[in-house]
PDB file of all heavy atoms in Angstrom:
ATOM      1  N   GLU A   1      23.166 -17.472 -20.313  1.00  0.00           N
ATOM      2  CA  GLU A   1      23.832 -17.747 -19.052  1.00  0.00           C
ATOM      3  C   GLU A   1      23.262 -16.887 -17.907  1.00  0.00           C
ATOM      4  O   GLU A   1      23.156 -17.367 -16.790  1.00  0.00           O
ATOM      5  CB  GLU A   1      25.349 -17.446 -19.207  1.00  0.00           C
ATOM      6  CG  GLU A   1      26.156 -17.797 -17.993  1.00  0.00           C
ATOM      7  CD  GLU A   1      27.643 -17.591 -18.236  1.00  0.00           C
ATOM      8  OE1 GLU A   1      28.084 -17.564 -19.402  1.00  0.00           O
ATOM      9  OE2 GLU A   1      28.378 -17.452 -17.234  1.00  0.00           O
ATOM     10  N   LYS A   2      22.892 -15.666 -18.185  1.00  0.00           N
ATOM     11  CA  LYS A   2      22.421 -14.734 -17.167  1.00  0.00           C
ATOM     12  C   LYS A   2      21.209 -13.979 -17.662  1.00  0.00           C
ATOM     13  O   LYS A   2      21.165 -13.583 -18.825  1.00  0.00           O
ATOM     14  CB  LYS A   2      23.552 -13.751 -16.802  1.00  0.00           C
ATOM     15  CG  LYS A   2      23.226 -12.825 -15.660  1.00  0.00           C
ATOM     16  CD  LYS A   2      23.298 -13.552 -14.320  1.00  0.00           C
ATOM     17  CE  LYS A   2      23.130 -12.546 -13.175  1.00  0.00           C
ATOM     18  NZ  LYS A   2      23.048 -13.238 -11.857  1.00  0.00           N
ATOM     19  N   LEU A   3      20.233 -13.801 -16.795  1.00  0.00           N
ATOM     20  CA  LEU A   3      19.010 -13.063 -17.145  1.00  0.00           C
ATOM     21  C   LEU A   3      18.788 -11.954 -16.094  1.00  0.00           C
ATOM     22  O   LEU A   3      18.846 -12.218 -14.912  1.00  0.00           O
ATOM     23  CB  LEU A   3      17.785 -13.982 -17.219  1.00  0.00           C
ATOM     24  CG  LEU A   3      17.794 -15.027 -18.323  1.00  0.00           C
ATOM     25  CD1 LEU A   3      16.604 -15.968 -18.113  1.00  0.00           C
ATOM     26  CD2 LEU A   3      17.723 -14.399 -19.715  1.00  0.00           C
ATOM     27  N   LYS A   4      18.476 -10.753 -16.580  1.00  0.00           N
ATOM     28  CA  LYS A   4      18.226  -9.629 -15.681  1.00  0.00           C
ATOM     29  C   LYS A   4      16.942  -8.912 -16.109  1.00  0.00           C
ATOM     30  O   LYS A   4      16.561  -8.969 -17.303  1.00  0.00           O
ATOM     31  CB  LYS A   4      19.397  -8.628 -15.683  1.00  0.00           C
ATOM     32  CG  LYS A   4      20.735  -9.276 -15.311  1.00  0.00           C
ATOM     33  CD  LYS A   4      21.837  -8.250 -15.395  1.00  0.00           C
ATOM     34  CE  LYS A   4      23.213  -8.873 -15.089  1.00  0.00           C
ATOM     35  NZ  LYS A   4      24.289  -7.860 -15.187  1.00  0.00           N
ATOM     36  N   PHE A   5      16.292  -8.243 -15.205  1.00  0.00           N
ATOM     37  CA  PHE A   5      15.048  -7.518 -15.485  1.00  0.00           C
ATOM     38  C   PHE A   5      15.046  -6.227 -14.703  1.00  0.00           C
ATOM     39  O   PHE A   5      15.438  -6.193 -13.522  1.00  0.00           O
ATOM     40  CB  PHE A   5      13.837  -8.375 -15.088  1.00  0.00           C
ATOM     41  CG  PHE A   5      12.708  -8.308 -16.078  1.00  0.00           C
ATOM     42  CD1 PHE A   5      12.699  -9.120 -17.204  1.00  0.00           C
ATOM     43  CD2 PHE A   5      11.638  -7.449 -15.898  1.00  0.00           C
ATOM     44  CE1 PHE A   5      11.658  -9.054 -18.126  1.00  0.00           C
ATOM     45  CE2 PHE A   5      10.583  -7.401 -16.814  1.00  0.00           C
ATOM     46  CZ  PHE A   5      10.587  -8.196 -17.936  1.00  0.00           C
ATOM     47  N   LEU A   6      14.611  -5.146 -15.315  1.00  0.00           N
ATOM     48  CA  LEU A   6      14.515  -3.847 -14.668  1.00  0.00           C
ATOM     49  C   LEU A   6      13.213  -3.750 -13.901  1.00  0.00           C
ATOM     50  O   LEU A   6      12.152  -4.057 -14.453  1.00  0.00           O
ATOM     51  CB  LEU A   6      14.632  -2.723 -15.672  1.00  0.00           C
ATOM     52  CG  LEU A   6      15.929  -2.658 -16.503  1.00  0.00           C
ATOM     53  CD1 LEU A   6      15.891  -1.462 -17.454  1.00  0.00           C
ATOM     54  CD2 LEU A   6      17.151  -2.590 -15.626  1.00  0.00           C
ATOM     55  N   CYS A   7      13.281  -3.247 -12.678  1.00  0.00           N
ATOM     56  CA  CYS A   7      12.137  -3.198 -11.781  1.00  0.00           C
ATOM     57  C   CYS A   7      11.989  -1.810 -11.187  1.00  0.00           C
ATOM     58  O   CYS A   7      12.615  -1.498 -10.146  1.00  0.00           O
ATOM     59  CB  CYS A   7      12.267  -4.195 -10.663  1.00  0.00           C
ATOM     60  SG  CYS A   7      12.389  -5.917 -11.241  1.00  0.00           S
ATOM     61  N   PRO A   8      11.251  -0.881 -11.863  1.00  0.00           N
ATOM     62  CA  PRO A   8      11.008   0.403 -11.221  1.00  0.00           C
ATOM     63  C   PRO A   8      10.398   0.218  -9.846  1.00  0.00           C
ATOM     64  O   PRO A   8       9.452  -0.528  -9.648  1.00  0.00           O
ATOM     65  CB  PRO A   8      10.004   1.073 -12.195  1.00  0.00           C
ATOM     66  CG  PRO A   8      10.327   0.448 -13.502  1.00  0.00           C
ATOM     67  CD  PRO A   8      10.641  -0.976 -13.194  1.00  0.00           C
ATOM     68  N   ALA A   9      11.012   0.904  -8.848  1.00  0.00           N
ATOM     69  CA  ALA A   9      10.622   0.685  -7.464  1.00  0.00           C
ATOM     70  C   ALA A   9      10.548   2.033  -6.710  1.00  0.00           C
ATOM     71  O   ALA A   9      11.372   2.910  -6.963  1.00  0.00           O
ATOM     72  CB  ALA A   9      11.573  -0.257  -6.782  1.00  0.00           C
ATOM     73  N   PRO A  10       9.556   2.162  -5.800  1.00  0.00           N
ATOM     74  CA  PRO A  10       8.576   1.171  -5.444  1.00  0.00           C
ATOM     75  C   PRO A  10       7.699   0.732  -6.622  1.00  0.00           C
ATOM     76  O   PRO A  10       7.407   1.527  -7.498  1.00  0.00           O
ATOM     77  CB  PRO A  10       7.704   1.890  -4.381  1.00  0.00           C
ATOM     78  CG  PRO A  10       8.567   3.022  -3.906  1.00  0.00           C
ATOM     79  CD  PRO A  10       9.394   3.444  -5.075  1.00  0.00           C
ATOM     80  N   GLY A  11       7.274  -0.539  -6.548  1.00  0.00           N
ATOM     81  CA  GLY A  11       6.503  -1.097  -7.633  1.00  0.00           C
ATOM     82  C   GLY A  11       5.610  -2.226  -7.131  1.00  0.00           C
ATOM     83  O   GLY A  11       5.371  -2.357  -5.921  1.00  0.00           O
ATOM     84  N   TYR A  12       5.112  -3.003  -8.072  1.00  0.00           N
ATOM     85  CA  TYR A  12       4.109  -4.060  -7.802  1.00  0.00           C
ATOM     86  C   TYR A  12       4.781  -5.342  -7.415  1.00  0.00           C
ATOM     87  O   TYR A  12       5.541  -5.921  -8.221  1.00  0.00           O
ATOM     88  CB  TYR A  12       3.236  -4.232  -9.047  1.00  0.00           C
ATOM     89  CG  TYR A  12       2.084  -5.223  -8.952  1.00  0.00           C
ATOM     90  CD1 TYR A  12       1.445  -5.482  -7.712  1.00  0.00           C
ATOM     91  CD2 TYR A  12       1.642  -5.886 -10.059  1.00  0.00           C
ATOM     92  CE1 TYR A  12       0.427  -6.364  -7.649  1.00  0.00           C
ATOM     93  CE2 TYR A  12       0.579  -6.763 -10.031  1.00  0.00           C
ATOM     94  CZ  TYR A  12      -0.047  -7.029  -8.795  1.00  0.00           C
ATOM     95  OH  TYR A  12      -1.070  -7.934  -8.744  1.00  0.00           O
ATOM     96  N   ASP A  13       4.507  -5.841  -6.208  1.00  0.00           N
ATOM     97  CA  ASP A  13       5.207  -7.012  -5.671  1.00  0.00           C
ATOM     98  C   ASP A  13       5.006  -8.264  -6.542  1.00  0.00           C
ATOM     99  O   ASP A  13       5.925  -9.100  -6.688  1.00  0.00           O
ATOM    100  CB  ASP A  13       4.825  -7.261  -4.236  1.00  0.00           C
ATOM    101  CG  ASP A  13       3.290  -7.386  -4.031  1.00  0.00           C
ATOM    102  OD1 ASP A  13       2.539  -6.807  -4.834  1.00  0.00           O
ATOM    103  OD2 ASP A  13       2.900  -8.021  -3.055  1.00  0.00           O
ATOM    104  N   ARG A  14       3.835  -8.425  -7.149  1.00  0.00           N
ATOM    105  CA  ARG A  14       3.567  -9.610  -7.920  1.00  0.00           C
ATOM    106  C   ARG A  14       4.373  -9.625  -9.238  1.00  0.00           C
ATOM    107  O   ARG A  14       4.709 -10.682  -9.734  1.00  0.00           O
ATOM    108  CB  ARG A  14       2.085  -9.765  -8.191  1.00  0.00           C
ATOM    109  CG  ARG A  14       1.259 -10.032  -6.925  1.00  0.00           C
ATOM    110  CD  ARG A  14      -0.152 -10.389  -7.242  1.00  0.00           C
ATOM    111  NE  ARG A  14      -1.010 -10.514  -6.058  1.00  0.00           N
ATOM    112  CZ  ARG A  14      -1.161 -11.612  -5.360  1.00  0.00           C
ATOM    113  NH1 ARG A  14      -0.513 -12.713  -5.684  1.00  0.00           N
ATOM    114  NH2 ARG A  14      -1.932 -11.661  -4.293  1.00  0.00           N
ATOM    115  N   HIS A  15       4.644  -8.467  -9.782  1.00  0.00           N
ATOM    116  CA  HIS A  15       5.579  -8.406 -10.916  1.00  0.00           C
ATOM    117  C   HIS A  15       6.911  -8.977 -10.539  1.00  0.00           C
ATOM    118  O   HIS A  15       7.487  -9.830 -11.227  1.00  0.00           O
ATOM    119  CB  HIS A  15       5.742  -6.952 -11.394  1.00  0.00           C
ATOM    120  CG  HIS A  15       4.614  -6.382 -12.161  1.00  0.00           C
ATOM    121  ND1 HIS A  15       4.492  -5.042 -12.372  1.00  0.00           N
ATOM    122  CD2 HIS A  15       3.528  -6.947 -12.756  1.00  0.00           C
ATOM    123  CE1 HIS A  15       3.400  -4.775 -13.066  1.00  0.00           C
ATOM    124  NE2 HIS A  15       2.798  -5.929 -13.298  1.00  0.00           N
ATOM    125  N   PHE A  16       7.432  -8.449  -9.452  1.00  0.00           N
ATOM    126  CA  PHE A  16       8.761  -8.869  -9.026  1.00  0.00           C
ATOM    127  C   PHE A  16       8.827 -10.357  -8.696  1.00  0.00           C
ATOM    128  O   PHE A  16       9.801 -11.042  -9.005  1.00  0.00           O
ATOM    129  CB  PHE A  16       9.184  -8.078  -7.807  1.00  0.00           C
ATOM    130  CG  PHE A  16       9.137  -6.594  -7.986  1.00  0.00           C
ATOM    131  CD1 PHE A  16       8.943  -5.729  -6.937  1.00  0.00           C
ATOM    132  CD2 PHE A  16       9.286  -6.011  -9.253  1.00  0.00           C
ATOM    133  CE1 PHE A  16       8.894  -4.359  -7.084  1.00  0.00           C
ATOM    134  CE2 PHE A  16       9.236  -4.644  -9.458  1.00  0.00           C
ATOM    135  CZ  PHE A  16       9.049  -3.792  -8.347  1.00  0.00           C
ATOM    136  N   ALA A  17       7.738 -10.889  -8.145  1.00  0.00           N
ATOM    137  CA  ALA A  17       7.670 -12.295  -7.793  1.00  0.00           C
ATOM    138  C   ALA A  17       7.769 -13.195  -9.052  1.00  0.00           C
ATOM    139  O   ALA A  17       8.360 -14.274  -8.989  1.00  0.00           O
ATOM    140  CB  ALA A  17       6.405 -12.636  -7.018  1.00  0.00           C
ATOM    141  N   ILE A  18       7.197 -12.745 -10.148  1.00  0.00           N
ATOM    142  CA  ILE A  18       7.250 -13.532 -11.386  1.00  0.00           C
ATOM    143  C   ILE A  18       8.697 -13.678 -11.849  1.00  0.00           C
ATOM    144  O   ILE A  18       9.186 -14.777 -12.090  1.00  0.00           O
ATOM    145  CB  ILE A  18       6.404 -12.907 -12.507  1.00  0.00           C
ATOM    146  CG1 ILE A  18       4.908 -12.970 -12.148  1.00  0.00           C
ATOM    147  CG2 ILE A  18       6.658 -13.611 -13.820  1.00  0.00           C
ATOM    148  CD1 ILE A  18       3.994 -12.250 -13.150  1.00  0.00           C
ATOM    149  N   THR A  19       9.378 -12.563 -11.990  1.00  0.00           N
ATOM    150  CA  THR A  19      10.777 -12.633 -12.492  1.00  0.00           C
ATOM    151  C   THR A  19      11.686 -13.323 -11.470  1.00  0.00           C
ATOM    152  O   THR A  19      12.617 -14.023 -11.835  1.00  0.00           O
ATOM    153  CB  THR A  19      11.294 -11.238 -12.850  1.00  0.00           C
ATOM    154  OG1 THR A  19      10.758 -10.243 -11.975  1.00  0.00           O
ATOM    155  CG2 THR A  19      10.929 -10.877 -14.283  1.00  0.00           C
ATOM    156  N   GLN A  20      11.396 -13.147 -10.190  1.00  0.00           N
ATOM    157  CA  GLN A  20      12.171 -13.829  -9.170  1.00  0.00           C
ATOM    158  C   GLN A  20      12.019 -15.347  -9.344  1.00  0.00           C
ATOM    159  O   GLN A  20      13.001 -16.119  -9.221  1.00  0.00           O
ATOM    160  CB  GLN A  20      11.738 -13.414  -7.790  1.00  0.00           C
ATOM    161  CG  GLN A  20      12.529 -14.120  -6.668  1.00  0.00           C
ATOM    162  CD  GLN A  20      12.023 -13.714  -5.285  1.00  0.00           C
ATOM    163  OE1 GLN A  20      11.174 -12.821  -5.120  1.00  0.00           O
ATOM    164  NE2 GLN A  20      12.514 -14.369  -4.247  1.00  0.00           N
ATOM    165  N   SER A  21      10.816 -15.814  -9.623  1.00  0.00           N
ATOM    166  CA  SER A  21      10.555 -17.259  -9.693  1.00  0.00           C
ATOM    167  C   SER A  21      11.259 -17.909 -10.855  1.00  0.00           C
ATOM    168  O   SER A  21      11.511 -19.115 -10.833  1.00  0.00           O
ATOM    169  CB  SER A  21       9.031 -17.512  -9.757  1.00  0.00           C
ATOM    170  OG  SER A  21       8.503 -17.100 -11.020  1.00  0.00           O
ATOM    171  N   PHE A  22      11.604 -17.119 -11.894  1.00  0.00           N
ATOM    172  CA  PHE A  22      12.337 -17.638 -13.041  1.00  0.00           C
ATOM    173  C   PHE A  22      13.851 -17.403 -12.929  1.00  0.00           C
ATOM    174  O   PHE A  22      14.580 -17.689 -13.889  1.00  0.00           O
ATOM    175  CB  PHE A  22      11.782 -17.024 -14.349  1.00  0.00           C
ATOM    176  CG  PHE A  22      10.509 -17.666 -14.826  1.00  0.00           C
ATOM    177  CD1 PHE A  22       9.288 -17.201 -14.409  1.00  0.00           C
ATOM    178  CD2 PHE A  22      10.542 -18.789 -15.658  1.00  0.00           C
ATOM    179  CE1 PHE A  22       8.117 -17.802 -14.830  1.00  0.00           C
ATOM    180  CE2 PHE A  22       9.377 -19.370 -16.092  1.00  0.00           C
ATOM    181  CZ  PHE A  22       8.151 -18.895 -15.663  1.00  0.00           C
ATOM    182  N   GLY A  23      14.251 -16.889 -11.794  1.00  0.00           N
ATOM    183  CA  GLY A  23      15.719 -16.784 -11.585  1.00  0.00           C
ATOM    184  C   GLY A  23      16.348 -15.507 -12.142  1.00  0.00           C
ATOM    185  O   GLY A  23      17.571 -15.431 -12.224  1.00  0.00           O
ATOM    186  N   PHE A  24      15.579 -14.514 -12.515  1.00  0.00           N
ATOM    187  CA  PHE A  24      16.135 -13.278 -12.993  1.00  0.00           C
ATOM    188  C   PHE A  24      16.859 -12.500 -11.893  1.00  0.00           C
ATOM    189  O   PHE A  24      16.359 -12.475 -10.741  1.00  0.00           O
ATOM    190  CB  PHE A  24      15.058 -12.355 -13.590  1.00  0.00           C
ATOM    191  CG  PHE A  24      14.525 -12.769 -14.915  1.00  0.00           C
ATOM    192  CD1 PHE A  24      13.602 -13.782 -15.028  1.00  0.00           C
ATOM    193  CD2 PHE A  24      14.949 -12.126 -16.103  1.00  0.00           C
ATOM    194  CE1 PHE A  24      13.082 -14.171 -16.255  1.00  0.00           C
ATOM    195  CE2 PHE A  24      14.435 -12.494 -17.312  1.00  0.00           C
ATOM    196  CZ  PHE A  24      13.507 -13.537 -17.389  1.00  0.00           C
ATOM    197  N   GLU A  25      17.944 -11.857 -12.220  1.00  0.00           N
ATOM    198  CA  GLU A  25      18.489 -10.831 -11.316  1.00  0.00           C
ATOM    199  C   GLU A  25      17.651  -9.560 -11.569  1.00  0.00           C
ATOM    200  O   GLU A  25      17.517  -9.105 -12.676  1.00  0.00           O
ATOM    201  CB  GLU A  25      19.935 -10.533 -11.633  1.00  0.00           C
ATOM    202  CG  GLU A  25      20.514  -9.413 -10.781  1.00  0.00           C
ATOM    203  CD  GLU A  25      21.911  -9.017 -11.213  1.00  0.00           C
ATOM    204  OE1 GLU A  25      22.632  -9.862 -11.779  1.00  0.00           O
ATOM    205  OE2 GLU A  25      22.294  -7.828 -10.992  1.00  0.00           O
ATOM    206  N   MET A  26      17.075  -9.040 -10.484  1.00  0.00           N
ATOM    207  CA  MET A  26      16.190  -7.872 -10.602  1.00  0.00           C
ATOM    208  C   MET A  26      16.953  -6.634 -10.229  1.00  0.00           C
ATOM    209  O   MET A  26      17.562  -6.579  -9.162  1.00  0.00           O
ATOM    210  CB  MET A  26      14.957  -8.092  -9.737  1.00  0.00           C
ATOM    211  CG  MET A  26      14.099  -9.251 -10.241  1.00  0.00           C
ATOM    212  SD  MET A  26      12.604  -9.527  -9.212  1.00  0.00           S
ATOM    213  CE  MET A  26      13.338 -10.193  -7.748  1.00  0.00           C
ATOM    214  N   ILE A  27      16.864  -5.627 -11.100  1.00  0.00           N
ATOM    215  CA  ILE A  27      17.597  -4.387 -10.925  1.00  0.00           C
ATOM    216  C   ILE A  27      16.625  -3.272 -10.583  1.00  0.00           C
ATOM    217  O   ILE A  27      15.853  -2.850 -11.466  1.00  0.00           O
ATOM    218  CB  ILE A  27      18.405  -4.027 -12.209  1.00  0.00           C
ATOM    219  CG1 ILE A  27      19.341  -5.184 -12.561  1.00  0.00           C
ATOM    220  CG2 ILE A  27      19.174  -2.745 -11.994  1.00  0.00           C
ATOM    221  CD1 ILE A  27      20.030  -4.979 -13.909  1.00  0.00           C
ATOM    222  N   PRO A  28      16.625  -2.779  -9.341  1.00  0.00           N
ATOM    223  CA  PRO A  28      15.709  -1.668  -9.003  1.00  0.00           C
ATOM    224  C   PRO A  28      16.100  -0.396  -9.760  1.00  0.00           C
ATOM    225  O   PRO A  28      17.265  -0.103  -9.932  1.00  0.00           O
ATOM    226  CB  PRO A  28      15.920  -1.502  -7.498  1.00  0.00           C
ATOM    227  CG  PRO A  28      16.613  -2.752  -7.029  1.00  0.00           C
ATOM    228  CD  PRO A  28      17.426  -3.233  -8.174  1.00  0.00           C
ATOM    229  N   VAL A  29      15.091   0.316 -10.201  1.00  0.00           N
ATOM    230  CA  VAL A  29      15.282   1.618 -10.817  1.00  0.00           C
ATOM    231  C   VAL A  29      14.365   2.599 -10.110  1.00  0.00           C
ATOM    232  O   VAL A  29      13.188   2.359  -9.912  1.00  0.00           O
ATOM    233  CB  VAL A  29      14.884   1.563 -12.314  1.00  0.00           C
ATOM    234  CG1 VAL A  29      15.052   2.940 -12.940  1.00  0.00           C
ATOM    235  CG2 VAL A  29      15.786   0.577 -13.056  1.00  0.00           C
ATOM    236  N   GLU A  30      14.913   3.728  -9.725  1.00  0.00           N
ATOM    237  CA  GLU A  30      14.153   4.715  -8.957  1.00  0.00           C
ATOM    238  C   GLU A  30      13.020   5.334  -9.784  1.00  0.00           C
ATOM    239  O   GLU A  30      13.177   5.612 -10.962  1.00  0.00           O
ATOM    240  CB  GLU A  30      15.084   5.861  -8.506  1.00  0.00           C
ATOM    241  CG  GLU A  30      14.401   6.904  -7.656  1.00  0.00           C
ATOM    242  CD  GLU A  30      15.316   8.035  -7.252  1.00  0.00           C
ATOM    243  OE1 GLU A  30      16.509   7.985  -7.609  1.00  0.00           O
ATOM    244  OE2 GLU A  30      14.831   8.994  -6.601  1.00  0.00           O
ATOM    245  N   MET A  31      11.876   5.464  -9.179  1.00  0.00           N
ATOM    246  CA  MET A  31      10.757   6.140  -9.786  1.00  0.00           C
ATOM    247  C   MET A  31      10.835   7.648  -9.519  1.00  0.00           C
ATOM    248  O   MET A  31      11.128   8.083  -8.395  1.00  0.00           O
ATOM    249  CB  MET A  31       9.442   5.596  -9.255  1.00  0.00           C
ATOM    250  CG  MET A  31       9.067   4.238  -9.809  1.00  0.00           C
ATOM    251  SD  MET A  31       8.584   4.281 -11.537  1.00  0.00           S
ATOM    252  CE  MET A  31       6.949   5.005 -11.450  1.00  0.00           C
ATOM    253  N   ARG A  32      10.611   8.448 -10.557  1.00  0.00           N
ATOM    254  CA  ARG A  32      10.563   9.878 -10.422  1.00  0.00           C
ATOM    255  C   ARG A  32       9.144  10.363 -10.691  1.00  0.00           C
ATOM    256  O   ARG A  32       8.244   9.551 -10.873  1.00  0.00           O
ATOM    257  CB  ARG A  32      11.560  10.528 -11.358  1.00  0.00           C
ATOM    258  CG  ARG A  32      13.003  10.086 -11.048  1.00  0.00           C
ATOM    259  CD  ARG A  32      14.042  10.798 -11.876  1.00  0.00           C
ATOM    260  NE  ARG A  32      15.393  10.522 -11.365  1.00  0.00           N
ATOM    261  CZ  ARG A  32      16.502  10.975 -11.908  1.00  0.00           C
ATOM    262  NH1 ARG A  32      16.437  11.711 -13.027  1.00  0.00           N
ATOM    263  NH2 ARG A  32      17.677  10.681 -11.381  1.00  0.00           N
ATOM    264  N   GLU A  33       8.935  11.667 -10.688  1.00  0.00           N
ATOM    265  CA  GLU A  33       7.596  12.207 -10.801  1.00  0.00           C
ATOM    266  C   GLU A  33       6.964  11.938 -12.153  1.00  0.00           C
ATOM    267  O   GLU A  33       5.731  11.971 -12.271  1.00  0.00           O
ATOM    268  CB  GLU A  33       7.612  13.738 -10.540  1.00  0.00           C
ATOM    269  CG  GLU A  33       7.895  14.078  -9.073  1.00  0.00           C
ATOM    270  CD  GLU A  33       7.799  15.557  -8.813  1.00  0.00           C
ATOM    271  OE1 GLU A  33       7.511  16.347  -9.787  1.00  0.00           O
ATOM    272  OE2 GLU A  33       7.977  15.963  -7.670  1.00  0.00           O
TER     273      GLU A  33
END
């Protein structure tokens, strides 16, 4: 029913575009050192 994907951000825009195109809810995760 629902699909989600973790997206460390800032990150690669083309990664995010792939999961966006399949309708995933994208969850930003903060990048640390």
